[in-house]
Amino acid sequence: MSTLPTIAIAGRPNVGKSTLFNRLTGRRTALVSDMPGLTRDRRAEDAEIGGHQMMIIDTAGLEESDPGTIAARMRAQSETAISESDIVLFVIDARAGVTPSDQAFARIIRTSGKRVILVVNKCEGRAGESGFYEAYGLGLGEPVAISAEHGDGLGDLETEILNRLDMLEAPFSDGDEDDADRGEAADIDPAKPIRVAIVGRPNAGKSTLVNALIGEDRMITGPEPGLTRDSIATELEVSGRPIKLFDTAGLRRKARITELAEKLAASDAIRAINFAEVVVLLIDAEHPLEHQDLTIAGFVADEGRALVIAVNKWDLVQDKQKVQREIRELVTEKMDAVVGVPLVMISAIAERGLDKLWDAVFSAHAAWNKRLSTSELNRWLEEALSRHSPPAASGRRIKLRYITQPSARPPTFVTFCSKPEDLPRSYVRYLTNSLREAFDLNGVPIRFNLRKSANPFEKRRKRGSVS
C-alpha cells in the first residue's frame, strides 16, 4: 500500500467523480461519459496538490445492489477504497440535488470515521444553486462548490484537502477526541462511552460526587480544597450505558492560581472539558452561582459541550423551595448561552438525587447529538417568520429563505439570508430560542449561522487557486 496520503473520490454513479479524478491528477486516464457505471474498479494515480505528493483513488459509483451482482462488487471495491483512505471526497450532483441515495451513502461515510470533504459538482449556472444549499443537510460540514468539467472551485477544494492533511498530522490523545472536536454529526452508538466531566470551584464536592457515582472510594476526598491535582478517568456503566467519567481539579480564577501544581491542574481540567461531551457543573447550594461558576459555564458553552448543573449539599438547605427558585432565576438571568440548562439538586455525601443527575446527563447528551431533517427545520422557519417577521434594512425587508443543519455535537444550523449583516442580534436570538423550544434543545449551545443567499462561486472566483 502507498505511504502517500490517500484520497478516495466517492459518490453515486454519474456525479462527475472521474472528471474530478482527471482534474486532480492532471491526466485523462479515467473514462468520462454521461453513461453511469463506466468505472467498475478502483483506479489510483499519484498527484501533486500544493507541492505535496498524494494518491488519488477513483471509485465505482456507490449504489444499492443485490448480493453477487456486478453493482455489488463495484460497491465493495468503493467501500474498500474508502476504508483505506485518509480523506474521502464525497461528490454529489448539484443539478440533481440531494437524492435518497446521496443521503444513504452520506450516513455510511459519516460512520466510517474518515475525514470527509463534501464536494458539490456541476455548480456552474443557476441550475445548481438550490442543490448546493441542500448539501448542507447531509451532515458532512460545509460543502465545496466546484465544476469539475470547467475547473471552477478546484482551488478551494485543493486548499481544503491541504487543511485536512494538516489535521491528519495533528496528535490526538484518543480517536474519540477527534470526533468530538470536529463537531460532525454521528448517530449515538450505545456501545461508545459517553464522556462526562465533573467540574466546578474547589471544594464543591466533585470527588465525593464521583465516588458516589462509581460506588467506590477511588478519589482522595477531604475538607481541604485542592486535593485533586489532575483529571482522572473512570469507566463505569449506568442503566446499560458505558460512561467515561472525569473528575477534575477545581477551577479557580487565574489571579488566584499561584502554585505550579494548580496551574497544571487547571489546565488539565480545561482539557477534560474539551474532551467531554457532557459537562456536569457542580455548585455549592450554600454559595450558588458565584462569578467563577458563571465563568466555567461560559467556557463550557464556548467549547460547544452539553451542560448540566448539579446543586450539591442540598441536604443542608433549610428553605428548599425558596433557594431552588432563586437558583433557577439566577440560571435564567446569567446563562443565556445555554437556555434551559438542566438543574438537579443532589447530595453527593448522602448519595441523593444521583438517578436524576444521570437522567439529565443522558437527556443532554441526546440533545447534543440531535439531528433535525431539513424539511422539519424549514416548516419551523416558516412558522417562526410568520409569528415575528424580520425587520427591514434600507427600506427593504430582510428575507430568510432556507435553513439546514450541517452538523450536530453541538447542533449547528445554517440559514440563508438576503442581508445577514443587517439582521439584528435580537432577531437572531429570537430564532435561536424559538428553535431551542420547538425541538427540545435545552442545555446545549446552539450554533446559528447566517449565510448570504448568493451564487456559491461568487467569492471563490476572486480567491484564485492553489498551485
Protein backbone atom coordinates (compact mmCIF):
# COMPACT_ATOMS: atom_id res chain seq x y z
CA MET A 1 0.00 0.00 0.00
CA SER A 2 1.20 3.52 -0.79
CA THR A 3 2.73 5.52 2.07
CA LEU A 4 1.44 8.71 0.46
CA PRO A 5 -1.67 10.41 1.85
CA THR A 6 -4.61 8.72 0.12
CA ILE A 7 -7.73 10.48 -1.12
CA ALA A 8 -10.75 8.46 -2.28
CA ILE A 9 -13.37 10.05 -4.54
CA ALA A 10 -16.76 8.52 -3.72
CA GLY A 11 -20.39 9.09 -4.63
CA ARG A 12 -23.26 7.59 -6.56
CA PRO A 13 -22.84 6.96 -10.32
CA ASN A 14 -22.60 9.82 -12.81
CA VAL A 15 -21.96 12.69 -10.41
CA GLY A 16 -18.62 13.51 -12.07
CA LYS A 17 -16.13 11.53 -9.98
CA SER A 18 -13.95 10.53 -12.94
CA THR A 19 -13.91 14.08 -14.31
CA LEU A 20 -12.74 15.29 -10.89
CA PHE A 21 -10.14 12.49 -10.77
CA ASN A 22 -8.74 13.65 -14.12
CA ARG A 23 -8.63 17.27 -12.89
CA LEU A 24 -6.78 16.43 -9.67
CA THR A 25 -4.28 14.06 -11.28
CA GLY A 26 -3.73 16.21 -14.38
CA ARG A 27 -4.28 13.15 -16.55
CA ARG A 28 -7.12 11.77 -18.60
CA THR A 29 -6.81 8.13 -17.56
CA ALA A 30 -10.38 7.82 -16.26
CA LEU A 31 -13.12 7.31 -18.82
CA VAL A 32 -15.70 10.09 -18.77
CA SER A 33 -19.22 9.76 -20.15
CA ASP A 34 -22.84 10.53 -19.34
CA MET A 35 -23.37 6.76 -19.19
CA PRO A 36 -23.34 5.73 -15.48
CA GLY A 37 -21.19 2.82 -14.32
CA LEU A 38 -18.19 3.18 -16.64
CA THR A 39 -15.81 2.99 -13.67
CA ARG A 40 -16.02 -0.53 -12.26
CA ASP A 41 -12.69 -0.92 -10.47
CA ARG A 42 -10.63 1.35 -8.28
CA ARG A 43 -8.16 3.46 -10.22
CA ALA A 44 -5.24 5.09 -8.40
CA GLU A 45 -2.81 7.76 -9.61
CA ASP A 46 -0.21 9.95 -7.95
CA ALA A 47 -1.00 13.67 -7.88
CA GLU A 48 0.65 16.84 -6.64
CA ILE A 49 -1.52 19.32 -4.74
CA GLY A 50 0.03 22.46 -3.30
CA GLY A 51 3.51 20.96 -3.60
CA HIS A 52 2.54 17.76 -1.76
CA GLN A 53 2.51 14.29 -3.30
CA MET A 54 -0.57 12.18 -2.67
CA MET A 55 -2.52 9.25 -4.06
CA ILE A 56 -5.95 9.86 -5.63
CA ILE A 57 -8.35 6.91 -5.99
CA ASP A 58 -11.29 6.99 -8.39
CA THR A 59 -14.01 4.60 -7.25
CA ALA A 60 -17.00 2.91 -8.82
CA GLY A 61 -20.33 4.53 -8.06
CA LEU A 62 -21.96 3.72 -4.74
CA GLU A 63 -25.42 2.30 -5.40
CA GLU A 64 -27.92 -0.06 -3.83
CA SER A 65 -27.44 -3.56 -5.22
CA ASP A 66 -28.29 -7.23 -4.74
CA PRO A 67 -25.57 -9.59 -3.47
CA GLY A 68 -23.49 -11.22 -6.16
CA THR A 69 -24.23 -8.65 -8.86
CA ILE A 70 -21.65 -6.55 -10.68
CA ALA A 71 -23.04 -3.48 -8.90
CA ALA A 72 -22.48 -5.18 -5.54
CA ARG A 73 -18.86 -5.94 -6.42
CA MET A 74 -18.41 -2.34 -7.59
CA ARG A 75 -19.78 -1.08 -4.28
CA ALA A 76 -17.46 -3.44 -2.36
CA GLN A 77 -14.49 -2.01 -4.28
CA SER A 78 -15.61 1.52 -3.40
CA GLU A 79 -16.06 0.70 0.28
CA THR A 80 -12.58 -0.86 0.39
CA ALA A 81 -11.11 2.32 -1.13
CA ILE A 82 -12.92 4.41 1.50
CA SER A 83 -11.64 2.21 4.34
CA GLU A 84 -8.04 2.53 3.10
CA SER A 85 -8.15 6.30 2.51
CA ASP A 86 -7.09 9.21 4.69
CA ILE A 87 -9.65 11.60 3.20
CA VAL A 88 -12.90 10.93 1.35
CA LEU A 89 -14.18 13.38 -1.27
CA PHE A 90 -17.91 12.68 -1.26
CA VAL A 91 -19.28 14.03 -4.54
CA ILE A 92 -22.90 14.92 -5.31
CA ASP A 93 -24.54 16.48 -8.36
CA ALA A 94 -25.83 20.00 -7.67
CA ARG A 95 -28.24 19.90 -10.60
CA ALA A 96 -29.90 16.72 -9.35
CA GLY A 97 -29.96 17.97 -5.75
CA VAL A 98 -29.62 15.65 -2.76
CA THR A 99 -31.12 12.28 -3.66
CA PRO A 100 -32.16 9.44 -1.29
CA SER A 101 -29.05 7.55 -2.45
CA ASP A 102 -26.86 10.53 -1.51
CA GLN A 103 -28.45 10.58 1.95
CA ALA A 104 -27.97 6.84 2.43
CA PHE A 105 -24.31 6.89 1.42
CA ALA A 106 -23.64 10.05 3.42
CA ARG A 107 -24.71 8.10 6.53
CA ILE A 108 -22.30 5.29 5.62
CA ILE A 109 -19.42 7.72 5.11
CA ARG A 110 -20.25 9.67 8.29
CA THR A 111 -19.98 6.50 10.35
CA SER A 112 -16.78 5.34 8.61
CA GLY A 113 -14.69 7.56 10.87
CA LYS A 114 -12.89 9.05 7.85
CA ARG A 115 -12.31 12.72 7.25
CA VAL A 116 -14.80 13.83 4.65
CA ILE A 117 -14.94 16.77 2.27
CA LEU A 118 -18.38 17.26 0.75
CA VAL A 119 -17.94 18.22 -2.92
CA VAL A 120 -20.92 19.64 -4.81
CA ASN A 121 -20.16 19.23 -8.51
CA LYS A 122 -21.85 20.86 -11.54
CA CYS A 123 -22.47 24.09 -9.63
CA GLU A 124 -22.00 26.29 -12.70
CA GLY A 125 -25.07 28.37 -13.52
CA ARG A 126 -28.31 28.82 -11.60
CA ALA A 127 -29.39 25.21 -12.13
CA GLY A 128 -27.04 24.03 -9.40
CA GLU A 129 -27.72 26.74 -6.80
CA SER A 130 -30.53 25.01 -4.88
CA GLY A 131 -28.62 21.70 -4.88
CA PHE A 132 -25.63 23.45 -3.31
CA TYR A 133 -27.80 24.71 -0.43
CA GLU A 134 -29.43 21.29 0.01
CA ALA A 135 -25.97 19.75 0.50
CA TYR A 136 -25.70 21.36 3.95
CA GLY A 137 -28.40 18.94 5.12
CA LEU A 138 -26.17 15.87 4.63
CA GLY A 139 -24.37 16.49 7.92
CA LEU A 140 -20.89 16.44 6.37
CA GLY A 141 -19.89 20.01 7.13
CA GLU A 142 -19.65 22.94 4.75
CA PRO A 143 -19.73 21.87 1.10
CA VAL A 144 -17.20 22.94 -1.53
CA ALA A 145 -18.81 24.07 -4.79
CA ILE A 146 -16.99 23.02 -7.95
CA SER A 147 -17.43 22.41 -11.63
CA ALA A 148 -15.02 19.58 -12.45
CA GLU A 149 -15.78 19.99 -16.16
CA HIS A 150 -14.88 23.69 -16.25
CA GLY A 151 -12.33 23.71 -13.41
CA ASP A 152 -14.28 26.16 -11.23
CA GLY A 153 -13.72 25.86 -7.48
CA LEU A 154 -10.75 23.47 -7.77
CA GLY A 155 -8.50 25.89 -5.89
CA ASP A 156 -10.88 25.88 -2.91
CA LEU A 157 -11.07 22.09 -2.98
CA GLU A 158 -7.28 21.76 -3.05
CA THR A 159 -6.97 24.20 -0.15
CA GLU A 160 -9.49 22.17 1.85
CA ILE A 161 -7.57 18.97 1.08
CA LEU A 162 -4.34 20.54 2.36
CA ASN A 163 -6.13 21.74 5.51
CA ARG A 164 -7.40 18.24 6.20
CA LEU A 165 -3.94 16.75 5.68
CA ASP A 166 -2.60 19.15 8.29
CA MET A 167 -5.30 17.87 10.65
CA LEU A 168 -4.24 14.30 9.98
CA GLU A 169 -0.76 15.12 11.21
CA ALA A 170 -2.03 16.68 14.45
CA PRO A 171 -1.64 14.46 17.54
CA PHE A 172 -4.69 13.29 19.45
CA SER A 173 -4.79 11.57 22.80
CA ASP A 174 -7.71 9.39 21.72
CA GLY A 175 -9.55 8.71 18.49
CA ASP A 176 -12.81 9.78 20.15
CA GLU A 177 -11.45 13.24 20.90
CA ASP A 178 -11.10 14.00 17.21
CA ASP A 179 -14.75 13.12 16.59
CA ALA A 180 -15.97 15.46 19.30
CA ASP A 181 -13.72 18.37 18.33
CA ARG A 182 -14.77 18.20 14.70
CA GLY A 183 -18.35 18.55 15.80
CA GLU A 184 -19.58 16.42 12.93
CA ALA A 185 -22.85 14.67 13.40
CA ALA A 186 -22.93 10.99 14.18
CA ASP A 187 -25.62 8.59 15.31
CA ILE A 188 -25.35 7.75 19.01
CA ASP A 189 -23.52 4.46 19.38
CA PRO A 190 -24.85 2.75 22.54
CA ALA A 191 -21.56 0.85 22.86
CA LYS A 192 -19.47 4.00 22.82
CA PRO A 193 -18.84 5.58 26.26
CA ILE A 194 -20.42 8.94 26.95
CA ARG A 195 -17.61 11.22 28.10
CA VAL A 196 -18.68 13.15 31.20
CA ALA A 197 -16.54 15.69 33.07
CA ILE A 198 -17.31 16.85 36.62
CA VAL A 199 -16.12 20.45 37.04
CA GLY A 200 -16.58 23.28 39.49
CA ARG A 201 -14.92 25.52 42.01
CA PRO A 202 -12.52 23.93 44.54
CA ASN A 203 -14.19 22.12 47.43
CA ALA A 204 -17.62 21.94 45.77
CA GLY A 205 -17.60 18.19 46.37
CA LYS A 206 -16.54 16.88 42.97
CA SER A 207 -14.52 13.90 44.16
CA THR A 208 -17.21 12.96 46.70
CA LEU A 209 -19.72 13.01 43.86
CA VAL A 210 -17.53 10.82 41.65
CA ASN A 211 -17.11 8.32 44.49
CA ALA A 212 -20.89 8.23 44.93
CA LEU A 213 -21.45 7.79 41.19
CA ILE A 214 -18.99 4.91 40.80
CA GLY A 215 -19.80 3.32 44.16
CA GLU A 216 -16.18 3.24 45.33
CA ASP A 217 -13.73 5.43 47.22
CA ARG A 218 -11.34 5.80 44.30
CA MET A 219 -10.77 9.54 44.75
CA ILE A 220 -8.97 11.22 47.64
CA THR A 221 -11.53 13.36 49.48
CA GLY A 222 -11.41 15.73 52.40
CA PRO A 223 -12.28 19.23 53.56
CA GLU A 224 -9.03 20.77 52.30
CA PRO A 225 -9.60 22.45 48.92
CA GLY A 226 -7.35 21.39 46.04
CA LEU A 227 -6.81 17.70 46.90
CA THR A 228 -7.39 16.63 43.27
CA ARG A 229 -4.42 17.75 41.18
CA ASP A 230 -5.28 16.18 37.84
CA SER A 231 -8.28 14.84 35.96
CA ILE A 232 -8.83 11.13 36.48
CA ALA A 233 -10.81 8.99 34.04
CA THR A 234 -13.01 6.23 35.42
CA GLU A 235 -15.06 3.84 33.31
CA LEU A 236 -18.43 2.60 34.55
CA GLU A 237 -21.85 1.53 33.30
CA VAL A 238 -25.15 3.22 34.15
CA SER A 239 -28.51 1.79 33.00
CA GLY A 240 -26.66 -0.26 30.41
CA ARG A 241 -24.81 2.77 29.02
CA PRO A 242 -20.98 2.90 29.19
CA ILE A 243 -19.61 6.08 30.76
CA LYS A 244 -16.12 7.54 30.90
CA LEU A 245 -16.15 9.88 33.89
CA PHE A 246 -13.58 12.61 34.57
CA ASP A 247 -13.06 14.12 37.99
CA THR A 248 -11.14 17.38 37.63
CA ALA A 249 -9.24 19.75 39.84
CA GLY A 250 -11.22 22.78 40.93
CA LEU A 251 -11.08 25.74 38.58
CA ARG A 252 -10.06 28.94 40.33
CA ARG A 253 -9.81 32.41 38.90
CA LYS A 254 -6.50 32.91 37.09
CA ALA A 255 -5.36 35.58 39.54
CA ARG A 256 -5.59 33.03 42.35
CA ILE A 257 -3.68 30.27 40.60
CA THR A 258 -0.22 30.72 42.05
CA GLU A 259 1.34 27.29 42.55
CA LEU A 260 2.71 25.46 39.53
CA ALA A 261 0.73 22.33 40.51
CA GLU A 262 -2.53 24.29 40.49
CA LYS A 263 -1.69 25.86 37.15
CA LEU A 264 -1.19 22.39 35.69
CA ALA A 265 -4.37 21.11 37.35
CA ALA A 266 -6.49 23.97 35.97
CA SER A 267 -5.09 23.38 32.52
CA ASP A 268 -5.91 19.66 32.85
CA ALA A 269 -9.48 20.49 33.89
CA ILE A 270 -9.83 22.62 30.77
CA ARG A 271 -8.55 19.71 28.68
CA ALA A 272 -11.15 17.47 30.33
CA ILE A 273 -13.90 19.93 29.33
CA ASN A 274 -12.57 19.90 25.77
CA PHE A 275 -12.55 16.11 25.79
CA ALA A 276 -16.02 15.74 27.35
CA GLU A 277 -19.37 15.51 25.62
CA VAL A 278 -21.44 16.40 28.70
CA VAL A 279 -20.09 18.61 31.48
CA VAL A 280 -21.61 18.50 34.96
CA LEU A 281 -21.00 21.83 36.69
CA LEU A 282 -21.15 21.15 40.42
CA ILE A 283 -22.08 24.16 42.54
CA ASP A 284 -22.42 24.58 46.29
CA ALA A 285 -26.04 25.06 47.41
CA GLU A 286 -24.85 27.35 50.22
CA HIS A 287 -22.87 29.57 47.81
CA PRO A 288 -24.62 29.10 44.43
CA LEU A 289 -23.56 30.58 41.12
CA GLU A 290 -20.66 32.75 42.15
CA HIS A 291 -18.68 34.55 39.46
CA GLN A 292 -16.38 31.59 38.89
CA ASP A 293 -19.34 29.23 38.34
CA LEU A 294 -20.62 31.52 35.59
CA THR A 295 -17.14 31.72 34.06
CA ILE A 296 -16.90 27.92 33.93
CA ALA A 297 -20.39 27.65 32.42
CA GLY A 298 -19.47 30.22 29.78
CA PHE A 299 -16.32 28.29 28.90
CA VAL A 300 -18.30 25.05 28.56
CA ALA A 301 -20.78 26.78 26.22
CA ASP A 302 -17.97 28.35 24.17
CA GLU A 303 -16.43 24.90 23.72
CA GLY A 304 -19.77 23.60 22.46
CA ARG A 305 -20.34 20.98 25.16
CA ALA A 306 -23.66 19.97 26.71
CA LEU A 307 -24.12 21.28 30.25
CA VAL A 308 -25.90 20.01 33.36
CA ILE A 309 -25.84 21.93 36.65
CA ALA A 310 -25.79 19.83 39.82
CA VAL A 311 -26.50 21.73 43.06
CA ASN A 312 -24.63 19.86 45.79
CA LYS A 313 -25.10 19.82 49.58
CA TRP A 314 -28.85 20.13 49.09
CA ASP A 315 -29.41 18.27 52.37
CA LEU A 316 -28.01 21.30 54.21
CA VAL A 317 -30.55 23.74 52.72
CA GLN A 318 -33.43 24.67 55.05
CA ASP A 319 -35.91 26.56 52.81
CA LYS A 320 -35.53 24.36 49.72
CA GLN A 321 -38.36 25.90 47.65
CA LYS A 322 -37.04 29.44 48.15
CA VAL A 323 -33.42 28.55 47.36
CA GLN A 324 -34.38 26.44 44.34
CA ARG A 325 -36.46 29.31 42.93
CA GLU A 326 -33.58 31.77 43.46
CA ILE A 327 -31.07 29.48 41.74
CA ARG A 328 -33.39 28.92 38.77
CA GLU A 329 -33.86 32.68 38.40
CA LEU A 330 -30.10 33.20 38.51
CA VAL A 331 -29.52 30.50 35.89
CA THR A 332 -32.15 32.02 33.59
CA GLU A 333 -30.72 35.50 34.03
CA LYS A 334 -27.00 34.70 33.82
CA MET A 335 -26.73 31.74 31.43
CA ASP A 336 -28.39 32.88 28.21
CA ALA A 337 -25.87 30.85 26.12
CA VAL A 338 -27.43 27.60 27.36
CA VAL A 339 -31.07 28.48 27.95
CA GLY A 340 -32.99 25.75 29.76
CA VAL A 341 -29.90 24.07 31.21
CA PRO A 342 -30.99 21.14 33.45
CA LEU A 343 -30.76 21.88 37.16
CA VAL A 344 -30.51 18.87 39.51
CA MET A 345 -30.50 19.08 43.31
CA ILE A 346 -28.23 16.44 44.90
CA SER A 347 -26.35 15.44 47.99
CA ALA A 348 -23.14 13.69 46.99
CA ILE A 349 -22.27 12.66 50.55
CA ALA A 350 -25.78 11.23 51.17
CA GLU A 351 -25.95 9.84 47.60
CA ARG A 352 -29.31 11.51 46.91
CA GLY A 353 -30.53 12.73 43.53
CA LEU A 354 -27.96 10.70 41.57
CA ASP A 355 -30.53 8.91 39.39
CA LYS A 356 -31.99 12.27 38.38
CA LEU A 357 -28.49 13.51 37.62
CA TRP A 358 -27.84 10.59 35.25
CA ASP A 359 -31.24 11.15 33.58
CA ALA A 360 -30.24 14.79 32.96
CA VAL A 361 -26.86 13.71 31.56
CA PHE A 362 -28.49 11.24 29.14
CA SER A 363 -31.05 13.84 28.02
CA ALA A 364 -28.37 16.48 27.48
CA HIS A 365 -26.25 14.01 25.51
CA ALA A 366 -29.22 13.13 23.28
CA ALA A 367 -29.95 16.83 22.62
CA TRP A 368 -26.26 17.47 21.87
CA ASN A 369 -26.35 14.71 19.24
CA LYS A 370 -29.77 15.61 17.84
CA ARG A 371 -30.15 15.90 14.08
CA LEU A 372 -33.20 17.51 12.51
CA SER A 373 -34.38 16.96 8.96
CA THR A 374 -34.25 19.86 6.54
CA SER A 375 -37.99 19.60 5.91
CA GLU A 376 -38.97 19.95 9.58
CA LEU A 377 -36.50 22.80 10.04
CA ASN A 378 -37.96 24.73 7.14
CA ARG A 379 -41.51 24.16 8.43
CA TRP A 380 -40.33 25.61 11.75
CA LEU A 381 -38.68 28.57 9.98
CA GLU A 382 -41.88 29.37 8.09
CA GLU A 383 -43.87 29.39 11.34
CA ALA A 384 -41.23 31.46 13.17
CA LEU A 385 -41.20 34.05 10.37
CA SER A 386 -44.99 34.24 10.34
CA ARG A 387 -45.10 34.85 14.10
CA HIS A 388 -42.44 37.56 14.01
CA SER A 389 -41.32 38.92 10.63
CA PRO A 390 -37.71 40.02 10.10
CA PRO A 391 -37.13 43.77 10.16
CA ALA A 392 -36.45 45.93 7.13
CA ALA A 393 -33.00 47.24 6.14
CA SER A 394 -32.65 50.32 3.91
CA GLY A 395 -36.36 50.16 3.22
CA ARG A 396 -36.34 46.51 2.10
CA ARG A 397 -37.43 43.63 4.29
CA ILE A 398 -34.69 41.08 5.06
CA LYS A 399 -35.56 37.64 3.69
CA LEU A 400 -34.64 34.30 5.28
CA ARG A 401 -35.07 31.66 2.61
CA TYR A 402 -33.79 28.32 3.85
CA ILE A 403 -32.36 26.56 6.90
CA THR A 404 -30.46 23.31 7.28
CA GLN A 405 -28.37 21.53 9.92
CA PRO A 406 -24.88 20.71 8.65
CA SER A 407 -23.75 19.08 11.91
CA ALA A 408 -24.55 18.16 15.50
CA ARG A 409 -22.34 17.95 18.62
CA PRO A 410 -23.41 20.74 19.26
CA PRO A 411 -26.43 21.34 16.99
CA THR A 412 -25.27 23.71 14.25
CA PHE A 413 -27.60 25.43 11.80
CA VAL A 414 -27.10 27.48 8.65
CA THR A 415 -29.77 29.90 7.46
CA PHE A 416 -29.56 31.62 4.08
CA CYS A 417 -30.45 35.28 4.31
CA SER A 418 -30.66 38.18 1.85
CA LYS A 419 -28.77 40.59 4.17
CA PRO A 420 -27.18 38.65 7.05
CA GLU A 421 -25.05 41.60 8.13
CA ASP A 422 -28.20 43.70 8.73
CA LEU A 423 -30.20 41.15 10.72
CA PRO A 424 -30.28 42.39 14.35
CA ARG A 425 -28.83 40.24 17.11
CA SER A 426 -32.15 40.38 18.90
CA TYR A 427 -33.86 38.70 15.95
CA VAL A 428 -31.17 36.00 15.76
CA ARG A 429 -31.70 35.43 19.49
CA TYR A 430 -35.47 35.12 18.87
CA LEU A 431 -34.85 32.49 16.19
CA THR A 432 -32.35 30.59 18.37
CA ASN A 433 -34.68 30.49 21.39
CA SER A 434 -37.64 29.51 19.20
CA LEU A 435 -35.57 26.71 17.67
CA ARG A 436 -34.47 25.52 21.11
CA GLU A 437 -38.05 25.45 22.40
CA ALA A 438 -39.53 23.80 19.29
CA PHE A 439 -37.05 20.91 19.22
CA ASP A 440 -36.21 20.49 22.92
CA LEU A 441 -32.58 21.59 22.69
CA ASN A 442 -32.33 22.74 26.29
CA GLY A 443 -28.95 22.74 27.99
CA VAL A 444 -26.86 22.62 24.82
CA PRO A 445 -25.24 25.53 22.99
CA ILE A 446 -26.71 26.17 19.55
CA ARG A 447 -24.59 27.43 16.66
CA PHE A 448 -26.85 29.59 14.46
CA ASN A 449 -25.01 30.85 11.39
CA LEU A 450 -26.25 33.22 8.72
CA ARG A 451 -25.11 32.95 5.11
CA LYS A 452 -25.85 35.28 2.26
CA SER A 453 -28.00 33.76 -0.46
CA ALA A 454 -25.71 34.02 -3.46
CA ASN A 455 -24.01 32.14 -6.25
CA PRO A 456 -21.65 29.69 -4.45
CA PHE A 457 -18.82 30.63 -6.84
CA GLU A 458 -19.15 34.39 -6.24
CA LYS A 459 -16.31 34.67 -3.71
CA ARG A 460 -14.36 31.65 -4.86
CA ARG A 461 -13.62 33.09 -8.30
CA LYS A 462 -11.94 36.06 -6.63
CA ARG A 463 -9.67 33.97 -4.39
CA GLY A 464 -7.83 32.10 -7.10
CA SER A 465 -6.48 28.59 -6.78
CA VAL A 466 -3.73 26.64 -5.04
CA SER A 467 -0.83 25.86 -7.28
